[in-house]
Amino acid sequence: KSFKDLKGMKIGVTAPGSSTNFFLN
């Protein structure tokens, strides 16, 4: 229901340290 509910989940990004990773962070 919110971003905090993502805790513990496996989330795919294009590559660690990429813009998709920054956006998620």
mmCIF file of all heavy atoms, coordinates in Angstrom:
data_MODEL
# 
_entry.id   MODEL 
# 
loop_
_atom_site.group_PDB 
_atom_site.id 
_atom_site.type_symbol 
_atom_site.label_atom_id 
_atom_site.label_alt_id 
_atom_site.label_comp_id 
_atom_site.label_asym_id 
_atom_site.label_entity_id 
_atom_site.label_seq_id 
_atom_site.pdbx_PDB_ins_code 
_atom_site.Cartn_x 
_atom_site.Cartn_y 
_atom_site.Cartn_z 
_atom_site.occupancy 
_atom_site.B_iso_or_equiv 
_atom_site.pdbx_formal_charge 
_atom_site.auth_seq_id 
_atom_site.auth_comp_id 
_atom_site.auth_asym_id 
_atom_site.auth_atom_id 
_atom_site.pdbx_PDB_model_num 
ATOM 1   N N   . LYS A 1 1  ? 0.818  -1.216  0.000   1.00 0.00 ? 1  LYS A N   1 
ATOM 2   C CA  . LYS A 1 1  ? 0.000  0.000   0.000   1.00 0.00 ? 1  LYS A CA  1 
ATOM 3   C C   . LYS A 1 1  ? 0.853  1.270   0.000   1.00 0.00 ? 1  LYS A C   1 
ATOM 4   O O   . LYS A 1 1  ? 0.385  2.340   -0.358  1.00 0.00 ? 1  LYS A O   1 
ATOM 5   C CB  . LYS A 1 1  ? -0.917 0.014   1.231   1.00 0.00 ? 1  LYS A CB  1 
ATOM 6   C CG  . LYS A 1 1  ? -1.840 -1.191  1.338   1.00 0.00 ? 1  LYS A CG  1 
ATOM 7   C CD  . LYS A 1 1  ? -2.805 -1.271  0.184   1.00 0.00 ? 1  LYS A CD  1 
ATOM 8   C CE  . LYS A 1 1  ? -3.774 -2.442  0.346   1.00 0.00 ? 1  LYS A CE  1 
ATOM 9   N NZ  . LYS A 1 1  ? -4.662 -2.595  -0.843  1.00 0.00 ? 1  LYS A NZ  1 
ATOM 10  N N   . SER A 1 2  ? 2.097  1.142   0.432   1.00 0.00 ? 2  SER A N   1 
ATOM 11  C CA  . SER A 1 2  ? 3.006  2.287   0.474   1.00 0.00 ? 2  SER A CA  1 
ATOM 12  C C   . SER A 1 2  ? 4.431  1.769   0.264   1.00 0.00 ? 2  SER A C   1 
ATOM 13  O O   . SER A 1 2  ? 4.664  0.551   0.262   1.00 0.00 ? 2  SER A O   1 
ATOM 14  C CB  . SER A 1 2  ? 2.907  3.023   1.806   1.00 0.00 ? 2  SER A CB  1 
ATOM 15  O OG  . SER A 1 2  ? 3.347  2.185   2.866   1.00 0.00 ? 2  SER A OG  1 
ATOM 16  N N   . PHE A 1 3  ? 5.365  2.688   0.104   1.00 0.00 ? 3  PHE A N   1 
ATOM 17  C CA  . PHE A 1 3  ? 6.748  2.289   -0.153  1.00 0.00 ? 3  PHE A CA  1 
ATOM 18  C C   . PHE A 1 3  ? 7.342  1.493   1.006   1.00 0.00 ? 3  PHE A C   1 
ATOM 19  O O   . PHE A 1 3  ? 8.178  0.617   0.805   1.00 0.00 ? 3  PHE A O   1 
ATOM 20  C CB  . PHE A 1 3  ? 7.614  3.521   -0.447  1.00 0.00 ? 3  PHE A CB  1 
ATOM 21  C CG  . PHE A 1 3  ? 7.149  4.308   -1.637  1.00 0.00 ? 3  PHE A CG  1 
ATOM 22  C CD1 . PHE A 1 3  ? 6.909  5.685   -1.538  1.00 0.00 ? 3  PHE A CD1 1 
ATOM 23  C CD2 . PHE A 1 3  ? 6.937  3.684   -2.849  1.00 0.00 ? 3  PHE A CD2 1 
ATOM 24  C CE1 . PHE A 1 3  ? 6.484  6.413   -2.639  1.00 0.00 ? 3  PHE A CE1 1 
ATOM 25  C CE2 . PHE A 1 3  ? 6.501  4.403   -3.968  1.00 0.00 ? 3  PHE A CE2 1 
ATOM 26  C CZ  . PHE A 1 3  ? 6.268  5.770   -3.853  1.00 0.00 ? 3  PHE A CZ  1 
ATOM 27  N N   . LYS A 1 4  ? 6.875  1.749   2.221   1.00 0.00 ? 4  LYS A N   1 
ATOM 28  C CA  . LYS A 1 4  ? 7.430  1.025   3.373   1.00 0.00 ? 4  LYS A CA  1 
ATOM 29  C C   . LYS A 1 4  ? 7.065  -0.461  3.334   1.00 0.00 ? 4  LYS A C   1 
ATOM 30  O O   . LYS A 1 4  ? 7.747  -1.299  3.939   1.00 0.00 ? 4  LYS A O   1 
ATOM 31  C CB  . LYS A 1 4  ? 6.958  1.658   4.682   1.00 0.00 ? 4  LYS A CB  1 
ATOM 32  C CG  . LYS A 1 4  ? 5.478  1.539   4.955   1.00 0.00 ? 4  LYS A CG  1 
ATOM 33  C CD  . LYS A 1 4  ? 5.120  2.234   6.263   1.00 0.00 ? 4  LYS A CD  1 
ATOM 34  C CE  . LYS A 1 4  ? 3.608  2.182   6.523   1.00 0.00 ? 4  LYS A CE  1 
ATOM 35  N NZ  . LYS A 1 4  ? 3.249  2.914   7.757   1.00 0.00 ? 4  LYS A NZ  1 
ATOM 36  N N   . ASP A 1 5  ? 6.012  -0.798  2.583   1.00 0.00 ? 5  ASP A N   1 
ATOM 37  C CA  . ASP A 1 5  ? 5.607  -2.201  2.459   1.00 0.00 ? 5  ASP A CA  1 
ATOM 38  C C   . ASP A 1 5  ? 6.543  -2.997  1.553   1.00 0.00 ? 5  ASP A C   1 
ATOM 39  O O   . ASP A 1 5  ? 6.395  -4.222  1.426   1.00 0.00 ? 5  ASP A O   1 
ATOM 40  C CB  . ASP A 1 5  ? 4.170  -2.299  1.924   1.00 0.00 ? 5  ASP A CB  1 
ATOM 41  C CG  . ASP A 1 5  ? 3.153  -1.703  2.885   1.00 0.00 ? 5  ASP A CG  1 
ATOM 42  O OD1 . ASP A 1 5  ? 3.387  -1.786  4.103   1.00 0.00 ? 5  ASP A OD1 1 
ATOM 43  O OD2 . ASP A 1 5  ? 2.143  -1.135  2.412   1.00 0.00 ? 5  ASP A OD2 1 
ATOM 44  N N   . LEU A 1 6  ? 7.492  -2.313  0.926   1.00 0.00 ? 6  LEU A N   1 
ATOM 45  C CA  . LEU A 1 6  ? 8.467  -2.995  0.072   1.00 0.00 ? 6  LEU A CA  1 
ATOM 46  C C   . LEU A 1 6  ? 9.595  -3.630  0.896   1.00 0.00 ? 6  LEU A C   1 
ATOM 47  O O   . LEU A 1 6  ? 10.420 -4.362  0.356   1.00 0.00 ? 6  LEU A O   1 
ATOM 48  C CB  . LEU A 1 6  ? 9.084  -2.004  -0.931  1.00 0.00 ? 6  LEU A CB  1 
ATOM 49  C CG  . LEU A 1 6  ? 8.134  -1.417  -1.976  1.00 0.00 ? 6  LEU A CG  1 
ATOM 50  C CD1 . LEU A 1 6  ? 8.809  -0.264  -2.707  1.00 0.00 ? 6  LEU A CD1 1 
ATOM 51  C CD2 . LEU A 1 6  ? 7.698  -2.489  -2.977  1.00 0.00 ? 6  LEU A CD2 1 
ATOM 52  N N   . LYS A 1 7  ? 9.611  -3.360  2.172   1.00 0.00 ? 7  LYS A N   1 
ATOM 53  C CA  . LYS A 1 7  ? 10.691 -3.857  3.033   1.00 0.00 ? 7  LYS A CA  1 
ATOM 54  C C   . LYS A 1 7  ? 10.837 -5.366  2.913   1.00 0.00 ? 7  LYS A C   1 
ATOM 55  O O   . LYS A 1 7  ? 9.864  -6.115  2.982   1.00 0.00 ? 7  LYS A O   1 
ATOM 56  C CB  . LYS A 1 7  ? 10.421 -3.479  4.494   1.00 0.00 ? 7  LYS A CB  1 
ATOM 57  C CG  . LYS A 1 7  ? 11.588 -3.797  5.425   1.00 0.00 ? 7  LYS A CG  1 
ATOM 58  C CD  . LYS A 1 7  ? 11.356 -3.241  6.820   1.00 0.00 ? 7  LYS A CD  1 
ATOM 59  C CE  . LYS A 1 7  ? 12.571 -3.506  7.718   1.00 0.00 ? 7  LYS A CE  1 
ATOM 60  N NZ  . LYS A 1 7  ? 12.404 -2.920  9.061   1.00 0.00 ? 7  LYS A NZ  1 
ATOM 61  N N   . GLY A 1 8  ? 12.091 -5.797  2.713   1.00 0.00 ? 8  GLY A N   1 
ATOM 62  C CA  . GLY A 1 8  ? 12.396 -7.221  2.596   1.00 0.00 ? 8  GLY A CA  1 
ATOM 63  C C   . GLY A 1 8  ? 12.178 -7.815  1.218   1.00 0.00 ? 8  GLY A C   1 
ATOM 64  O O   . GLY A 1 8  ? 12.474 -8.992  0.986   1.00 0.00 ? 8  GLY A O   1 
ATOM 65  N N   . MET A 1 9  ? 11.679 -7.035  0.289   1.00 0.00 ? 9  MET A N   1 
ATOM 66  C CA  . MET A 1 9  ? 11.383 -7.554  -1.049  1.00 0.00 ? 9  MET A CA  1 
ATOM 67  C C   . MET A 1 9  ? 12.596 -7.525  -1.972  1.00 0.00 ? 9  MET A C   1 
ATOM 68  O O   . MET A 1 9  ? 13.557 -6.786  -1.755  1.00 0.00 ? 9  MET A O   1 
ATOM 69  C CB  . MET A 1 9  ? 10.239 -6.761  -1.689  1.00 0.00 ? 9  MET A CB  1 
ATOM 70  C CG  . MET A 1 9  ? 8.893  -7.024  -1.054  1.00 0.00 ? 9  MET A CG  1 
ATOM 71  S SD  . MET A 1 9  ? 7.539  -6.304  -2.036  1.00 0.00 ? 9  MET A SD  1 
ATOM 72  C CE  . MET A 1 9  ? 6.117  -7.008  -1.197  1.00 0.00 ? 9  MET A CE  1 
ATOM 73  N N   . LYS A 1 10 ? 12.533 -8.365  -3.009  1.00 0.00 ? 10 LYS A N   1 
ATOM 74  C CA  . LYS A 1 10 ? 13.559 -8.402  -4.056  1.00 0.00 ? 10 LYS A CA  1 
ATOM 75  C C   . LYS A 1 10 ? 13.108 -7.469  -5.177  1.00 0.00 ? 10 LYS A C   1 
ATOM 76  O O   . LYS A 1 10 ? 12.053 -7.696  -5.779  1.00 0.00 ? 10 LYS A O   1 
ATOM 77  C CB  . LYS A 1 10 ? 13.727 -9.828  -4.587  1.00 0.00 ? 10 LYS A CB  1 
ATOM 78  C CG  . LYS A 1 10 ? 14.304 -10.802 -3.559  1.00 0.00 ? 10 LYS A CG  1 
ATOM 79  C CD  . LYS A 1 10 ? 14.417 -12.192 -4.132  1.00 0.00 ? 10 LYS A CD  1 
ATOM 80  C CE  . LYS A 1 10 ? 13.045 -12.823 -4.319  1.00 0.00 ? 10 LYS A CE  1 
ATOM 81  N NZ  . LYS A 1 10 ? 13.123 -14.237 -4.768  1.00 0.00 ? 10 LYS A NZ  1 
ATOM 82  N N   . ILE A 1 11 ? 13.905 -6.423  -5.431  1.00 0.00 ? 11 ILE A N   1 
ATOM 83  C CA  . ILE A 1 11 ? 13.512 -5.406  -6.409  1.00 0.00 ? 11 ILE A CA  1 
ATOM 84  C C   . ILE A 1 11 ? 14.565 -5.304  -7.508  1.00 0.00 ? 11 ILE A C   1 
ATOM 85  O O   . ILE A 1 11 ? 15.755 -5.104  -7.243  1.00 0.00 ? 11 ILE A O   1 
ATOM 86  C CB  . ILE A 1 11 ? 13.315 -4.042  -5.726  1.00 0.00 ? 11 ILE A CB  1 
ATOM 87  C CG1 . ILE A 1 11 ? 12.310 -4.169  -4.577  1.00 0.00 ? 11 ILE A CG1 1 
ATOM 88  C CG2 . ILE A 1 11 ? 12.833 -3.011  -6.741  1.00 0.00 ? 11 ILE A CG2 1 
ATOM 89  C CD1 . ILE A 1 11 ? 12.071 -2.889  -3.797  1.00 0.00 ? 11 ILE A CD1 1 
ATOM 90  N N   . GLY A 1 12 ? 14.122 -5.422  -8.746  1.00 0.00 ? 12 GLY A N   1 
ATOM 91  C CA  . GLY A 1 12 ? 15.025 -5.361  -9.890  1.00 0.00 ? 12 GLY A CA  1 
ATOM 92  C C   . GLY A 1 12 ? 15.268 -3.937  -10.346 1.00 0.00 ? 12 GLY A C   1 
ATOM 93  O O   . GLY A 1 12 ? 14.345 -3.121  -10.382 1.00 0.00 ? 12 GLY A O   1 
ATOM 94  N N   . VAL A 1 13 ? 16.517 -3.634  -10.689 1.00 0.00 ? 13 VAL A N   1 
ATOM 95  C CA  . VAL A 1 13 ? 16.905 -2.356  -11.291 1.00 0.00 ? 13 VAL A CA  1 
ATOM 96  C C   . VAL A 1 13 ? 17.747 -2.686  -12.517 1.00 0.00 ? 13 VAL A C   1 
ATOM 97  O O   . VAL A 1 13 ? 18.186 -3.826  -12.685 1.00 0.00 ? 13 VAL A O   1 
ATOM 98  C CB  . VAL A 1 13 ? 17.704 -1.474  -10.303 1.00 0.00 ? 13 VAL A CB  1 
ATOM 99  C CG1 . VAL A 1 13 ? 16.864 -1.148  -9.069  1.00 0.00 ? 13 VAL A CG1 1 
ATOM 100 C CG2 . VAL A 1 13 ? 19.014 -2.155  -9.887  1.00 0.00 ? 13 VAL A CG2 1 
ATOM 101 N N   . THR A 1 14 ? 17.988 -1.710  -13.374 1.00 0.00 ? 14 THR A N   1 
ATOM 102 C CA  . THR A 1 14 ? 18.804 -2.005  -14.559 1.00 0.00 ? 14 THR A CA  1 
ATOM 103 C C   . THR A 1 14 ? 20.193 -2.461  -14.147 1.00 0.00 ? 14 THR A C   1 
ATOM 104 O O   . THR A 1 14 ? 20.727 -3.442  -14.651 1.00 0.00 ? 14 THR A O   1 
ATOM 105 C CB  . THR A 1 14 ? 18.897 -0.783  -15.496 1.00 0.00 ? 14 THR A CB  1 
ATOM 106 O OG1 . THR A 1 14 ? 19.382 0.344   -14.743 1.00 0.00 ? 14 THR A OG1 1 
ATOM 107 C CG2 . THR A 1 14 ? 17.548 -0.454  -16.102 1.00 0.00 ? 14 THR A CG2 1 
ATOM 108 N N   . ALA A 1 15 ? 20.792 -1.740  -13.189 1.00 0.00 ? 15 ALA A N   1 
ATOM 109 C CA  . ALA A 1 15 ? 22.089 -2.120  -12.631 1.00 0.00 ? 15 ALA A CA  1 
ATOM 110 C C   . ALA A 1 15 ? 22.265 -1.391  -11.309 1.00 0.00 ? 15 ALA A C   1 
ATOM 111 O O   . ALA A 1 15 ? 21.803 -0.251  -11.166 1.00 0.00 ? 15 ALA A O   1 
ATOM 112 C CB  . ALA A 1 15 ? 23.233 -1.769  -13.586 1.00 0.00 ? 15 ALA A CB  1 
ATOM 113 N N   . PRO A 1 16 ? 22.891 -2.017  -10.316 1.00 0.00 ? 16 PRO A N   1 
ATOM 114 C CA  . PRO A 1 16 ? 23.145 -1.316  -9.055  1.00 0.00 ? 16 PRO A CA  1 
ATOM 115 C C   . PRO A 1 16 ? 23.942 -0.031  -9.308  1.00 0.00 ? 16 PRO A C   1 
ATOM 116 O O   . PRO A 1 16 ? 24.889 -0.020  -10.098 1.00 0.00 ? 16 PRO A O   1 
ATOM 117 C CB  . PRO A 1 16 ? 23.978 -2.334  -8.258  1.00 0.00 ? 16 PRO A CB  1 
ATOM 118 C CG  . PRO A 1 16 ? 23.551 -3.658  -8.802  1.00 0.00 ? 16 PRO A CG  1 
ATOM 119 C CD  . PRO A 1 16 ? 23.338 -3.423  -10.276 1.00 0.00 ? 16 PRO A CD  1 
ATOM 120 N N   . GLY A 1 17 ? 23.514 1.065   -8.660  1.00 0.00 ? 17 GLY A N   1 
ATOM 121 C CA  . GLY A 1 17 ? 24.192 2.346   -8.850  1.00 0.00 ? 17 GLY A CA  1 
ATOM 122 C C   . GLY A 1 17 ? 23.703 3.139   -10.044 1.00 0.00 ? 17 GLY A C   1 
ATOM 123 O O   . GLY A 1 17 ? 24.193 4.234   -10.323 1.00 0.00 ? 17 GLY A O   1 
ATOM 124 N N   . SER A 1 18 ? 22.710 2.610   -10.751 1.00 0.00 ? 18 SER A N   1 
ATOM 125 C CA  . SER A 1 18 ? 22.153 3.296   -11.921 1.00 0.00 ? 18 SER A CA  1 
ATOM 126 C C   . SER A 1 18 ? 21.025 4.225   -11.499 1.00 0.00 ? 18 SER A C   1 
ATOM 127 O O   . SER A 1 18 ? 20.617 4.257   -10.333 1.00 0.00 ? 18 SER A O   1 
ATOM 128 C CB  . SER A 1 18 ? 21.629 2.272   -12.924 1.00 0.00 ? 18 SER A CB  1 
ATOM 129 O OG  . SER A 1 18 ? 20.536 1.566   -12.351 1.00 0.00 ? 18 SER A OG  1 
ATOM 130 N N   . SER A 1 19 ? 20.483 4.976   -12.457 1.00 0.00 ? 19 SER A N   1 
ATOM 131 C CA  . SER A 1 19 ? 19.403 5.911   -12.146 1.00 0.00 ? 19 SER A CA  1 
ATOM 132 C C   . SER A 1 19 ? 18.155 5.199   -11.646 1.00 0.00 ? 19 SER A C   1 
ATOM 133 O O   . SER A 1 19 ? 17.407 5.737   -10.824 1.00 0.00 ? 19 SER A O   1 
ATOM 134 C CB  . SER A 1 19 ? 19.064 6.767   -13.383 1.00 0.00 ? 19 SER A CB  1 
ATOM 135 O OG  . SER A 1 19 ? 18.692 5.936   -14.465 1.00 0.00 ? 19 SER A OG  1 
ATOM 136 N N   . THR A 1 20 ? 17.907 3.979   -12.147 1.00 0.00 ? 20 THR A N   1 
ATOM 137 C CA  . THR A 1 20 ? 16.742 3.223   -11.667 1.00 0.00 ? 20 THR A CA  1 
ATOM 138 C C   . THR A 1 20 ? 16.921 2.856   -10.190 1.00 0.00 ? 20 THR A C   1 
ATOM 139 O O   . THR A 1 20 ? 15.949 2.789   -9.433  1.00 0.00 ? 20 THR A O   1 
ATOM 140 C CB  . THR A 1 20 ? 16.523 1.948   -12.506 1.00 0.00 ? 20 THR A CB  1 
ATOM 141 O OG1 . THR A 1 20 ? 17.752 1.203   -12.567 1.00 0.00 ? 20 THR A OG1 1 
ATOM 142 C CG2 . THR A 1 20 ? 16.073 2.291   -13.909 1.00 0.00 ? 20 THR A CG2 1 
ATOM 143 N N   . ASN A 1 21 ? 18.160 2.619   -9.796  1.00 0.00 ? 21 ASN A N   1 
ATOM 144 C CA  . ASN A 1 21 ? 18.488 2.350   -8.391  1.00 0.00 ? 21 ASN A CA  1 
ATOM 145 C C   . ASN A 1 21 ? 18.297 3.614   -7.548  1.00 0.00 ? 21 ASN A C   1 
ATOM 146 O O   . ASN A 1 21 ? 17.702 3.576   -6.462  1.00 0.00 ? 21 ASN A O   1 
ATOM 147 C CB  . ASN A 1 21 ? 19.926 1.846   -8.301  1.00 0.00 ? 21 ASN A CB  1 
ATOM 148 C CG  . ASN A 1 21 ? 20.261 1.181   -6.977  1.00 0.00 ? 21 ASN A CG  1 
ATOM 149 O OD1 . ASN A 1 21 ? 21.243 0.452   -6.876  1.00 0.00 ? 21 ASN A OD1 1 
ATOM 150 N ND2 . ASN A 1 21 ? 19.487 1.416   -5.942  1.00 0.00 ? 21 ASN A ND2 1 
ATOM 151 N N   . PHE A 1 22 ? 18.777 4.767   -8.050  1.00 0.00 ? 22 PHE A N   1 
ATOM 152 C CA  . PHE A 1 22 ? 18.622 6.039   -7.321  1.00 0.00 ? 22 PHE A CA  1 
ATOM 153 C C   . PHE A 1 22 ? 17.144 6.370   -7.118  1.00 0.00 ? 22 PHE A C   1 
ATOM 154 O O   . PHE A 1 22 ? 16.738 6.824   -6.045  1.00 0.00 ? 22 PHE A O   1 
ATOM 155 C CB  . PHE A 1 22 ? 19.294 7.189   -8.089  1.00 0.00 ? 22 PHE A CB  1 
ATOM 156 C CG  . PHE A 1 22 ? 20.785 7.081   -8.218  1.00 0.00 ? 22 PHE A CG  1 
ATOM 157 C CD1 . PHE A 1 22 ? 21.448 7.723   -9.251  1.00 0.00 ? 22 PHE A CD1 1 
ATOM 158 C CD2 . PHE A 1 22 ? 21.545 6.346   -7.309  1.00 0.00 ? 22 PHE A CD2 1 
ATOM 159 C CE1 . PHE A 1 22 ? 22.827 7.634   -9.392  1.00 0.00 ? 22 PHE A CE1 1 
ATOM 160 C CE2 . PHE A 1 22 ? 22.928 6.257   -7.435  1.00 0.00 ? 22 PHE A CE2 1 
ATOM 161 C CZ  . PHE A 1 22 ? 23.561 6.900   -8.477  1.00 0.00 ? 22 PHE A CZ  1 
ATOM 162 N N   . PHE A 1 23 ? 16.354 6.169   -8.157  1.00 0.00 ? 23 PHE A N   1 
ATOM 163 C CA  . PHE A 1 23 ? 14.920 6.459   -8.099  1.00 0.00 ? 23 PHE A CA  1 
ATOM 164 C C   . PHE A 1 23 ? 14.263 5.620   -7.009  1.00 0.00 ? 23 PHE A C   1 
ATOM 165 O O   . PHE A 1 23 ? 13.486 6.131   -6.186  1.00 0.00 ? 23 PHE A O   1 
ATOM 166 C CB  . PHE A 1 23 ? 14.289 6.170   -9.467  1.00 0.00 ? 23 PHE A CB  1 
ATOM 167 C CG  . PHE A 1 23 ? 12.808 6.437   -9.557  1.00 0.00 ? 23 PHE A CG  1 
ATOM 168 C CD1 . PHE A 1 23 ? 12.315 7.729   -9.604  1.00 0.00 ? 23 PHE A CD1 1 
ATOM 169 C CD2 . PHE A 1 23 ? 11.899 5.383   -9.620  1.00 0.00 ? 23 PHE A CD2 1 
ATOM 170 C CE1 . PHE A 1 23 ? 10.947 7.979   -9.701  1.00 0.00 ? 23 PHE A CE1 1 
ATOM 171 C CE2 . PHE A 1 23 ? 10.538 5.622   -9.719  1.00 0.00 ? 23 PHE A CE2 1 
ATOM 172 C CZ  . PHE A 1 23 ? 10.062 6.923   -9.759  1.00 0.00 ? 23 PHE A CZ  1 
ATOM 173 N N   . LEU A 1 24 ? 14.581 4.341   -7.000  1.00 0.00 ? 24 LEU A N   1 
ATOM 174 C CA  . LEU A 1 24 ? 14.041 3.448   -5.977  1.00 0.00 ? 24 LEU A CA  1 
ATOM 175 C C   . LEU A 1 24 ? 14.470 3.909   -4.580  1.00 0.00 ? 24 LEU A C   1 
ATOM 176 O O   . LEU A 1 24 ? 13.644 3.974   -3.656  1.00 0.00 ? 24 LEU A O   1 
ATOM 177 C CB  . LEU A 1 24 ? 14.533 2.018   -6.231  1.00 0.00 ? 24 LEU A CB  1 
ATOM 178 C CG  . LEU A 1 24 ? 14.233 1.002   -5.128  1.00 0.00 ? 24 LEU A CG  1 
ATOM 179 C CD1 . LEU A 1 24 ? 12.728 0.819   -4.947  1.00 0.00 ? 24 LEU A CD1 1 
ATOM 180 C CD2 . LEU A 1 24 ? 14.900 -0.337  -5.445  1.00 0.00 ? 24 LEU A CD2 1 
ATOM 181 N N   . ASN A 1 25 ? 15.743 4.238   -4.423  1.00 0.00 ? 25 ASN A N   1 
ATOM 182 C CA  . ASN A 1 25 ? 16.253 4.678   -3.116  1.00 0.00 ? 25 ASN A CA  1 
ATOM 183 C C   . ASN A 1 25 ? 15.508 5.917   -2.610  1.00 0.00 ? 25 ASN A C   1 
ATOM 184 O O   . ASN A 1 25 ? 15.199 6.032   -1.419  1.00 0.00 ? 25 ASN A O   1 
ATOM 185 C CB  . ASN A 1 25 ? 17.741 4.990   -3.200  1.00 0.00 ? 25 ASN A CB  1 
ATOM 186 C CG  . ASN A 1 25 ? 18.600 3.755   -3.380  1.00 0.00 ? 25 ASN A CG  1 
ATOM 187 O OD1 . ASN A 1 25 ? 18.108 2.632   -3.284  1.00 0.00 ? 25 ASN A OD1 1 
ATOM 188 N ND2 . ASN A 1 25 ? 19.870 3.942   -3.657  1.00 0.00 ? 25 ASN A ND2 1 
# 
